[in-house]
Protein backbone atom coordinates (compact mmCIF):
# COMPACT_ATOMS: atom_id res chain seq x y z
CA MET A 1 -0.21 -0.03 -0.10
CA GLU A 2 1.23 3.72 -0.57
CA GLU A 3 2.22 5.44 2.42
CA GLY A 4 0.02 8.62 2.78
CA LYS A 5 -1.01 10.96 5.30
CA VAL A 6 -2.58 9.63 8.16
CA CYS A 7 -6.04 10.65 9.45
CA SER A 8 -7.67 10.22 13.14
CA SER A 9 -11.17 8.65 13.16
CA ASP A 10 -12.61 7.12 16.00
CA GLY A 11 -9.70 7.37 18.11
CA ASN A 12 -7.54 4.58 15.47
CA ARG A 13 -5.22 6.05 13.25
CA ILE A 14 -6.70 5.05 10.01
CA CYS A 15 -3.99 5.33 6.66
CA GLU A 16 -5.65 7.63 3.27
CA ALA A 17 -7.00 5.11 0.85
CA PRO A 18 -5.16 4.78 -2.38
CA LYS A 19 -7.18 6.27 -5.24
CA GLU A 20 -5.63 4.93 -8.23
CA ARG A 21 -6.99 1.17 -8.10
CA PRO A 22 -9.58 -0.79 -6.12
CA VAL A 23 -8.91 -0.41 -2.69
CA ARG A 24 -8.16 -3.84 -1.41
CA VAL A 25 -10.32 -4.74 2.14
CA TYR A 26 -9.79 -8.02 4.33
CA ALA A 27 -12.29 -9.33 6.23
CA ASP A 28 -11.64 -12.46 8.07
CA GLY A 29 -13.60 -15.02 10.48
CA ILE A 30 -14.82 -18.46 11.04
CA TYR A 31 -18.59 -17.93 9.52
CA ASP A 32 -19.62 -20.74 10.64
CA LEU A 33 -23.67 -21.32 9.71
CA PHE A 34 -22.89 -18.82 7.41
CA HIS A 35 -25.86 -16.44 8.14
CA PHE A 36 -27.26 -12.85 7.13
CA GLY A 37 -25.00 -11.09 10.20
CA HIS A 38 -22.17 -12.46 7.97
CA ALA A 39 -24.07 -11.19 5.04
CA ARG A 40 -24.02 -7.79 5.96
CA SER A 41 -20.62 -7.35 7.71
CA LEU A 42 -19.29 -8.42 4.41
CA GLU A 43 -21.25 -5.49 2.70
CA GLN A 44 -19.99 -3.61 4.71
CA ALA A 45 -16.50 -3.73 4.12
CA LYS A 46 -17.66 -4.17 0.31
CA LYS A 47 -18.87 -0.60 0.66
CA SER A 48 -16.41 0.66 3.02
CA PHE A 49 -15.45 2.58 -0.33
CA PRO A 50 -16.35 3.63 -3.67
CA ASN A 51 -14.07 1.04 -5.48
CA THR A 52 -13.42 -2.02 -3.01
CA TYR A 53 -12.11 -5.52 -3.60
CA LEU A 54 -12.95 -7.92 -0.80
CA LEU A 55 -11.12 -10.17 0.30
CA VAL A 56 -12.37 -12.41 2.93
CA GLY A 57 -10.27 -15.05 5.02
CA CYS A 58 -11.72 -17.88 6.73
CA CYS A 59 -9.53 -20.44 9.33
CA ASN A 60 -9.29 -23.87 8.90
CA ASP A 61 -10.63 -26.92 11.03
CA GLU A 62 -7.37 -27.32 12.79
CA VAL A 63 -6.58 -23.78 14.07
CA THR A 64 -10.89 -22.80 15.11
CA HIS A 65 -11.02 -25.98 17.13
CA LYS A 66 -7.47 -25.03 18.91
CA PHE A 67 -8.24 -21.54 19.57
CA LYS A 68 -12.31 -21.11 18.98
CA GLY A 69 -13.52 -24.81 19.30
CA LYS A 70 -15.59 -27.18 17.21
CA THR A 71 -17.69 -25.81 14.28
CA VAL A 72 -20.76 -27.54 12.50
CA MET A 73 -19.80 -27.15 9.24
CA THR A 74 -16.31 -28.00 7.84
CA ASP A 75 -13.79 -25.65 6.56
CA SER A 76 -14.44 -26.65 2.65
CA GLU A 77 -18.27 -25.79 3.08
CA ARG A 78 -17.44 -22.87 5.27
CA TYR A 79 -15.16 -21.64 1.82
CA GLU A 80 -17.94 -22.89 -0.28
CA SER A 81 -20.34 -20.59 2.03
CA LEU A 82 -18.50 -17.38 1.36
CA ARG A 83 -17.90 -17.88 -2.60
CA HIS A 84 -21.78 -17.75 -2.77
CA CYS A 85 -22.14 -14.67 -1.61
CA ARG A 86 -22.60 -12.05 -3.43
CA TRP A 87 -19.78 -9.26 -1.33
CA VAL A 88 -17.07 -11.48 -1.95
CA ASP A 89 -14.73 -11.49 -4.38
CA GLU A 90 -11.90 -13.67 -3.46
CA VAL A 91 -11.61 -16.25 -0.54
CA ILE A 92 -8.36 -16.67 1.42
CA PRO A 93 -8.57 -20.54 2.61
CA ASP A 94 -6.33 -21.06 5.77
CA ALA A 95 -6.51 -17.75 7.02
CA PRO A 96 -4.27 -17.36 10.04
CA TRP A 97 -5.63 -16.75 13.53
CA VAL A 98 -3.40 -13.47 14.04
CA LEU A 99 -2.75 -10.75 11.11
CA THR A 100 0.59 -10.18 10.75
CA GLN A 101 2.43 -7.73 8.24
CA GLU A 102 4.03 -9.95 6.15
CA PHE A 103 0.16 -11.62 5.38
CA LEU A 104 -0.70 -7.65 4.77
CA ASP A 105 2.23 -7.81 2.34
CA LYS A 106 1.45 -10.84 0.29
CA HIS A 107 -1.96 -9.83 0.07
CA HIS A 108 -1.63 -6.19 -0.60
CA ILE A 109 -3.94 -5.44 1.80
CA ASP A 110 -4.65 -2.28 2.54
CA TYR A 111 -7.52 -2.27 5.00
CA VAL A 112 -8.75 -4.68 7.51
CA ALA A 113 -12.72 -4.60 8.39
CA HIS A 114 -14.22 -6.01 11.55
CA ASP A 115 -16.26 -4.46 14.08
CA SER A 116 -14.69 -2.88 16.98
CA LEU A 117 -15.27 -4.59 19.87
CA PRO A 118 -11.71 -6.01 21.28
CA TYR A 119 -11.53 -9.76 19.97
CA ALA A 120 -9.41 -12.00 22.69
CA ASP A 121 -6.63 -13.70 21.24
CA ALA A 122 -6.65 -16.80 22.20
CA SER A 123 -3.27 -17.78 20.70
CA GLY A 124 -1.64 -16.12 23.93
CA ALA A 125 0.26 -13.38 21.43
CA GLY A 126 -1.88 -10.36 22.71
CA LYS A 127 -5.59 -8.77 24.28
CA ASP A 128 -6.97 -8.43 20.81
CA VAL A 129 -6.73 -10.56 17.36
CA TYR A 130 -6.53 -6.73 15.32
CA GLU A 131 -4.31 -4.99 17.87
CA PHE A 132 -1.54 -4.85 15.70
CA VAL A 133 -3.99 -3.81 12.67
CA LYS A 134 -5.40 -1.27 14.60
CA SER A 135 -1.89 0.46 15.93
CA ILE A 136 -0.93 0.62 11.89
CA GLY A 137 -3.84 2.58 10.91
CA LYS A 138 -5.27 -0.01 8.71
CA PHE A 139 -8.18 -1.51 10.58
CA LYS A 140 -11.83 -0.40 9.78
CA GLU A 141 -14.79 -0.75 11.70
CA THR A 142 -18.09 -2.73 10.31
CA LYS A 143 -20.82 -2.71 12.35
CA ARG A 144 -22.32 -6.42 14.14
CA THR A 145 -26.23 -7.24 13.14
CA GLU A 146 -27.99 -7.31 16.64
CA GLY A 147 -30.06 -10.57 17.60
CA ILE A 148 -27.78 -13.12 15.24
CA SER A 149 -25.05 -15.30 15.30
CA THR A 150 -23.41 -18.69 15.29
CA SER A 151 -24.00 -19.10 18.89
CA ASP A 152 -27.67 -17.50 19.03
CA ILE A 153 -28.85 -20.25 16.26
CA ILE A 154 -26.68 -23.34 17.97
CA MET A 155 -28.88 -22.43 21.17
CA ARG A 156 -32.13 -22.33 19.44
CA ILE A 157 -31.05 -25.98 18.52
CA VAL A 158 -29.95 -27.20 21.43
CA LYS A 159 -33.00 -25.38 23.14
CA ASP A 160 -35.57 -27.49 20.67
CA TYR A 161 -33.57 -30.18 20.67
CA ASN A 162 -36.32 -33.33 21.14
CA GLN A 163 -38.23 -31.48 18.62
CA TYR A 164 -34.96 -31.35 15.70
CA VAL A 165 -34.57 -34.87 16.95
CA MET A 166 -37.88 -36.10 15.53
CA ARG A 167 -37.44 -33.67 12.69
CA ASN A 168 -34.36 -35.56 11.70
CA LEU A 169 -36.61 -39.08 12.47
CA ASP A 170 -39.56 -38.54 10.57
CA ARG A 171 -37.52 -36.84 7.43
CA GLY A 172 -35.87 -40.65 7.24
CA TYR A 173 -32.54 -40.71 9.80
CA THR A 174 -31.98 -43.18 12.44
CA ARG A 175 -31.91 -43.29 15.88
CA LYS A 176 -28.08 -44.31 15.56
CA ASP A 177 -27.61 -41.66 12.99
CA LEU A 178 -28.58 -39.05 15.68
CA GLY A 179 -27.21 -41.01 18.42
CA VAL A 180 -30.14 -41.34 20.21
CA SER A 181 -31.02 -44.83 22.20
CA TYR A 182 -34.05 -47.20 21.64
CA VAL A 183 -35.56 -45.97 25.08
CA ARG A 184 -34.81 -42.16 24.15
CA GLU A 185 -36.18 -42.35 20.67
CA LYS A 186 -39.81 -43.91 22.28
CA ARG A 187 -40.04 -41.69 25.48
CA LEU A 188 -39.57 -38.88 22.47
CA ARG A 189 -42.65 -40.48 20.13
CA VAL A 190 -44.50 -40.80 23.09
CA ASN A 191 -43.89 -37.10 24.48
CA MET A 192 -44.56 -35.93 20.45
CA GLY A 193 -48.17 -37.59 20.27
CA LEU A 194 -49.04 -35.98 23.41
CA LYS A 195 -47.91 -32.68 22.57
CA LYS A 196 -49.74 -32.86 19.41
CA LEU A 197 -53.09 -33.89 20.59
CA HIS A 198 -52.81 -31.26 22.98
CA GLU A 199 -52.44 -29.11 20.55
CA LYS A 200 -55.22 -30.45 18.16
CA VAL A 201 -57.46 -30.26 21.66
CA LYS A 202 -56.44 -26.74 22.12
CA LYS A 203 -57.24 -25.63 18.24
CA GLN A 204 -60.60 -27.31 18.85
CA GLN A 205 -61.44 -25.36 21.86
CA GLU A 206 -60.48 -22.23 19.82
CA LYS A 207 -62.54 -23.09 17.06
CA MET A 208 -65.80 -23.42 19.53
CA GLY A 209 -64.66 -20.32 21.19
CA GLU A 210 -65.05 -18.38 17.84
CA LYS A 211 -68.10 -19.79 17.18
CA ILE A 212 -69.42 -19.16 20.77
CA GLN A 213 -68.66 -15.44 19.75
CA THR A 214 -69.95 -15.64 16.40
CA VAL A 215 -73.22 -16.90 18.32
CA ALA A 216 -73.06 -14.10 21.05
CA LYS A 217 -73.06 -11.38 18.47
CA THR A 218 -75.74 -12.16 16.18
CA ALA A 219 -77.53 -12.55 18.81
CA GLY A 220 -77.38 -9.13 20.06
CA VAL A 221 -78.00 -8.27 16.34
CA HIS A 222 -81.25 -10.24 15.96
CA ARG A 223 -81.99 -10.15 19.80
CA ASN A 224 -85.40 -8.23 19.09
CA GLU A 225 -86.35 -10.47 16.51
CA TRP A 226 -85.94 -13.56 18.16
CA VAL A 227 -87.88 -12.37 21.65
CA GLU A 228 -90.46 -11.55 19.02
CA ASN A 229 -90.63 -15.27 17.43
CA ALA A 230 -90.63 -16.54 20.64
CA ASP A 231 -93.40 -14.95 22.13
CA ARG A 232 -95.65 -15.92 18.89
CA LEU A 233 -94.15 -19.40 19.69
CA VAL A 234 -95.00 -19.51 23.25
CA ALA A 235 -98.73 -17.66 22.58
CA GLY A 236 -99.62 -20.25 19.76
CA PHE A 237 -98.39 -23.17 22.27
CA LEU A 238 -100.48 -21.93 25.00
CA GLU A 239 -103.27 -21.24 22.75
CA MET A 240 -103.16 -24.90 21.56
CA PHE A 241 -102.78 -25.66 24.78
CA GLU A 242 -105.96 -24.15 25.82
CA GLU A 243 -108.08 -25.81 23.26
CA GLY A 244 -106.80 -29.08 23.91
CA CYS A 245 -107.83 -28.53 27.27
CA HIS A 246 -111.09 -27.09 26.60
CA LYS A 247 -111.33 -30.11 24.28
CA MET A 248 -110.22 -32.50 26.95
CA GLY A 249 -112.53 -30.94 29.19
CA THR A 250 -115.70 -31.50 27.14
CA ALA A 251 -115.07 -34.52 26.69
CA ILE A 252 -114.37 -35.77 30.25
CA ARG A 253 -118.07 -33.98 30.88
CA ASP A 254 -119.56 -36.25 28.01
CA ARG A 255 -118.23 -39.16 29.45
CA LEU A 256 -119.26 -38.82 33.28
CA LYS A 257 -122.79 -37.78 32.27
CA GLY A 258 -123.03 -40.86 29.98
CA GLN A 259 -121.67 -42.78 32.82
CA GLN A 260 -124.29 -40.85 34.96
CA LEU A 261 -126.70 -42.24 32.98
CA ARG A 262 -126.37 -45.84 32.59
CA ALA A 263 -125.63 -45.64 36.07
CA LEU A 264 -129.40 -44.37 36.50
CA MET A 265 -130.57 -46.67 33.67
CA HIS A 266 -129.27 -50.16 35.78
CA ASP A 267 -130.84 -48.49 38.74
CA LYS A 268 -134.49 -48.30 36.99
CA GLU A 269 -133.69 -51.91 35.59
CA GLY A 270 -132.80 -53.43 38.77
CA ASN A 271 -135.54 -51.60 41.32
CA ASP A 272 -138.40 -53.32 38.01
CA ASP A 273 -136.71 -56.37 38.82
CA ASP A 274 -137.71 -56.29 42.38
CA ASP A 275 -141.23 -55.17 42.27
CA TYR A 276 -141.33 -58.16 39.63
CA TYR A 277 -140.58 -61.12 42.41
CA TYR A 278 -142.09 -58.92 44.97
CA ASP A 279 -145.01 -59.15 43.42
CA SER A 280 -144.83 -63.23 42.69
CA ASP A 281 -144.21 -63.18 46.25
CA GLU A 282 -147.42 -62.22 46.94
CA GLU A 283 -148.85 -63.92 44.58
CA TYR A 284 -147.15 -67.03 45.97
CA TYR A 285 -148.27 -66.22 49.57
CA ASP A 286 -151.55 -65.95 48.48
CA ASP A 287 -151.89 -69.44 46.80
CA GLU A 288 -151.02 -70.44 50.60
CA ASP A 289 -153.53 -68.82 51.83
CA ASP A 290 -156.30 -70.35 49.76
CA GLU A 291 -155.11 -73.92 50.49
CA ASP A 292 -155.12 -72.89 53.76
CA GLU A 293 -158.72 -71.64 54.02
CA ASP A 294 -159.33 -75.01 51.61
């Protein structure tokens, strides 16, 4: 990089950018589970100058696992993800953990882009891996995207681990592929079945609640009409009931009259029979008296 005047920006020395050629800006990282937060930081680096050539360095698995920890994606997968980012002009594999002047000279790097927060140097070379770059005025600050990071994504997976295990089992993975025991698999299936049943019941309850609210609203709109219809129905029922009672009373009275008439007629016939036998007795006794007189 051609030497120019040194300016001050946010307390750090910044070298003047070259004007006769594209500014070569370097950004580095692990880029595991490449997400839009990574893409936005690279976009900022790409747009830091009107004419920028963006180089992106990515550490290999050996260095990353040693200083940061295990990654989800392999180094070759992480390299390939970066190559498909629209802001990246060139990917540098096997990038160093701490930048040196030798590395900057080798790739003709004018500026290094990263967020301004100190990045702990796990290698022990210093307190901040970008300490050297900041000291020589070649550090270009970018802003982090809040709410998204590789650690956040992994935390979501860990939090809902059982659901993701069931998701993959349903998609054809075996329990051995997922490192799950036979007992755990069965337990997960039972628990997920119960959860689905609970969700189904909850949805039915919500639907019933919506229907009840709809009926209540309809009742409020048509209340007067319903009351009038109900009054008519009640009045009609009472009228029919009254008419039925009248007919029933008439029938009962007619029946009672018939029964009384038959009773009277029966009593009359009974009295006639008694008179007949009484007269016969009288005749019978008269005969005996006549015989006695003879």
